[in-house]
Every structure is written in C-alpha cells, then in structure tokens.
Amino acid sequence: MEKRDGSGLFKTENGAQFYAVIRSVTDTCIKNGQNVLAAFKTIAVLQSE
C-alpha cells in the first residue's frame, strides 16, 4: 500500500487513486448498512474472474 508523506499527501497519484476507491466503497457500504468486508470480498472474487 502506498504511504503518505509528512504533509498528509500521497507520494504517488496511483496511491491516491487506490485510497479514493477504497474509501468510496467503504463509505458507500456504511451509508447503505452493508458489510464492508463482504463488499471487498465480492470485489476480489469478481477481479479474479
């Protein structure tokens, strides 16, 4: 996983995009009362197909 530098910014654009996707999925699950881990498990299964 990408690390943030001392100012709180990501070191790479790729790291920032990765974080944004994870945060978006997490926030959407919480908003809709869904299990966050189950959502990521589903995404992982779909990615492997």
N, C-alpha and C. Protein backbone atom coordinates (compact mmCIF):
# COMPACT_ATOMS: atom_id res chain seq x y z
N MET A 1 0.84 -1.17 0.00
CA MET A 1 0.00 0.00 0.00
C MET A 1 0.89 1.24 0.00
N GLU A 2 0.44 2.25 -0.69
CA GLU A 2 1.21 3.48 -0.78
C GLU A 2 1.18 4.21 0.56
N LYS A 3 2.24 4.91 0.87
CA LYS A 3 2.30 5.68 2.10
C LYS A 3 2.12 7.16 1.79
N ARG A 4 1.62 7.86 2.80
CA ARG A 4 1.51 9.30 2.67
C ARG A 4 2.77 9.94 3.21
N ASP A 5 3.11 11.10 2.67
CA ASP A 5 4.30 11.78 3.18
C ASP A 5 3.95 12.56 4.45
N GLY A 6 4.89 13.30 4.98
CA GLY A 6 4.68 14.01 6.25
C GLY A 6 3.57 15.03 6.23
N SER A 7 3.25 15.58 5.07
CA SER A 7 2.21 16.60 4.99
C SER A 7 0.82 15.99 4.81
N GLY A 8 0.73 14.67 4.78
CA GLY A 8 -0.56 14.01 4.63
C GLY A 8 -0.94 13.74 3.19
N LEU A 9 -0.08 14.09 2.25
CA LEU A 9 -0.34 13.85 0.84
C LEU A 9 0.26 12.52 0.42
N PHE A 10 -0.31 11.92 -0.61
CA PHE A 10 0.23 10.65 -1.10
C PHE A 10 1.47 10.89 -1.94
N LYS A 11 2.36 9.93 -1.91
CA LYS A 11 3.62 10.05 -2.66
C LYS A 11 3.40 9.87 -4.16
N THR A 12 2.37 9.11 -4.54
CA THR A 12 2.12 8.88 -5.96
C THR A 12 0.64 9.09 -6.27
N GLU A 13 0.36 9.40 -7.52
CA GLU A 13 -1.01 9.54 -7.98
C GLU A 13 -1.74 8.21 -7.86
N ASN A 14 -1.04 7.12 -8.15
CA ASN A 14 -1.63 5.79 -8.06
C ASN A 14 -2.08 5.49 -6.63
N GLY A 15 -1.27 5.86 -5.66
CA GLY A 15 -1.62 5.65 -4.26
C GLY A 15 -2.86 6.44 -3.86
N ALA A 16 -2.97 7.66 -4.35
CA ALA A 16 -4.13 8.50 -4.05
C ALA A 16 -5.39 7.91 -4.67
N GLN A 17 -5.28 7.41 -5.88
CA GLN A 17 -6.44 6.80 -6.55
C GLN A 17 -6.86 5.52 -5.84
N PHE A 18 -5.91 4.71 -5.44
CA PHE A 18 -6.18 3.48 -4.70
C PHE A 18 -6.93 3.78 -3.41
N TYR A 19 -6.45 4.77 -2.68
CA TYR A 19 -7.10 5.18 -1.43
C TYR A 19 -8.53 5.67 -1.70
N ALA A 20 -8.71 6.45 -2.75
CA ALA A 20 -10.03 7.00 -3.06
C ALA A 20 -11.05 5.90 -3.36
N VAL A 21 -10.62 4.87 -4.07
CA VAL A 21 -11.52 3.75 -4.37
C VAL A 21 -11.91 3.01 -3.09
N ILE A 22 -10.93 2.71 -2.27
CA ILE A 22 -11.20 2.01 -1.01
C ILE A 22 -12.12 2.84 -0.12
N ARG A 23 -11.86 4.12 -0.04
CA ARG A 23 -12.68 4.99 0.80
C ARG A 23 -14.10 5.09 0.27
N SER A 24 -14.24 5.16 -1.05
CA SER A 24 -15.56 5.25 -1.67
C SER A 24 -16.40 4.00 -1.39
N VAL A 25 -15.79 2.83 -1.57
CA VAL A 25 -16.50 1.57 -1.31
C VAL A 25 -16.89 1.49 0.15
N THR A 26 -15.95 1.82 1.03
CA THR A 26 -16.21 1.76 2.47
C THR A 26 -17.34 2.69 2.87
N ASP A 27 -17.29 3.93 2.42
CA ASP A 27 -18.32 4.91 2.78
C ASP A 27 -19.69 4.51 2.23
N THR A 28 -19.72 3.98 1.01
CA THR A 28 -20.99 3.56 0.41
C THR A 28 -21.60 2.40 1.20
N CYS A 29 -20.77 1.45 1.59
CA CYS A 29 -21.27 0.32 2.39
C CYS A 29 -21.84 0.80 3.72
N ILE A 30 -21.12 1.67 4.39
CA ILE A 30 -21.58 2.19 5.68
C ILE A 30 -22.89 2.94 5.50
N LYS A 31 -22.97 3.77 4.48
CA LYS A 31 -24.18 4.56 4.21
C LYS A 31 -25.38 3.66 3.98
N ASN A 32 -25.18 2.52 3.30
CA ASN A 32 -26.27 1.61 2.96
C ASN A 32 -26.44 0.46 3.94
N GLY A 33 -25.70 0.50 5.05
CA GLY A 33 -25.83 -0.53 6.07
C GLY A 33 -25.35 -1.90 5.62
N GLN A 34 -24.38 -1.92 4.71
CA GLN A 34 -23.86 -3.18 4.20
C GLN A 34 -22.53 -3.52 4.87
N ASN A 35 -22.18 -4.79 4.83
CA ASN A 35 -20.94 -5.27 5.41
C ASN A 35 -19.76 -4.89 4.51
N VAL A 36 -18.84 -4.10 5.05
CA VAL A 36 -17.71 -3.60 4.27
C VAL A 36 -16.81 -4.75 3.81
N LEU A 37 -16.50 -5.66 4.70
CA LEU A 37 -15.61 -6.77 4.34
C LEU A 37 -16.24 -7.68 3.28
N ALA A 38 -17.53 -7.88 3.38
CA ALA A 38 -18.23 -8.69 2.37
C ALA A 38 -18.16 -8.02 1.00
N ALA A 39 -18.25 -6.72 0.99
CA ALA A 39 -18.17 -5.99 -0.28
C ALA A 39 -16.79 -6.16 -0.91
N PHE A 40 -15.75 -6.03 -0.11
CA PHE A 40 -14.39 -6.20 -0.65
C PHE A 40 -14.13 -7.65 -1.07
N LYS A 41 -14.73 -8.59 -0.36
CA LYS A 41 -14.59 -9.99 -0.77
C LYS A 41 -15.24 -10.20 -2.14
N THR A 42 -16.42 -9.62 -2.34
CA THR A 42 -17.10 -9.72 -3.63
C THR A 42 -16.26 -9.09 -4.74
N ILE A 43 -15.69 -7.93 -4.47
CA ILE A 43 -14.83 -7.26 -5.46
C ILE A 43 -13.64 -8.15 -5.80
N ALA A 44 -13.02 -8.75 -4.79
CA ALA A 44 -11.85 -9.61 -5.02
C ALA A 44 -12.22 -10.80 -5.88
N VAL A 45 -13.38 -11.40 -5.62
CA VAL A 45 -13.82 -12.55 -6.41
C VAL A 45 -14.07 -12.14 -7.86
N LEU A 46 -14.73 -11.00 -8.05
CA LEU A 46 -15.01 -10.53 -9.40
C LEU A 46 -13.74 -10.17 -10.16
N GLN A 47 -12.73 -9.63 -9.46
CA GLN A 47 -11.47 -9.28 -10.09
C GLN A 47 -10.70 -10.51 -10.56
N SER A 48 -10.89 -11.62 -9.86
CA SER A 48 -10.15 -12.84 -10.21
C SER A 48 -10.75 -13.58 -11.39
N GLU A 49 -11.95 -13.21 -11.79
CA GLU A 49 -12.62 -13.90 -12.91
C GLU A 49 -12.13 -13.41 -14.25
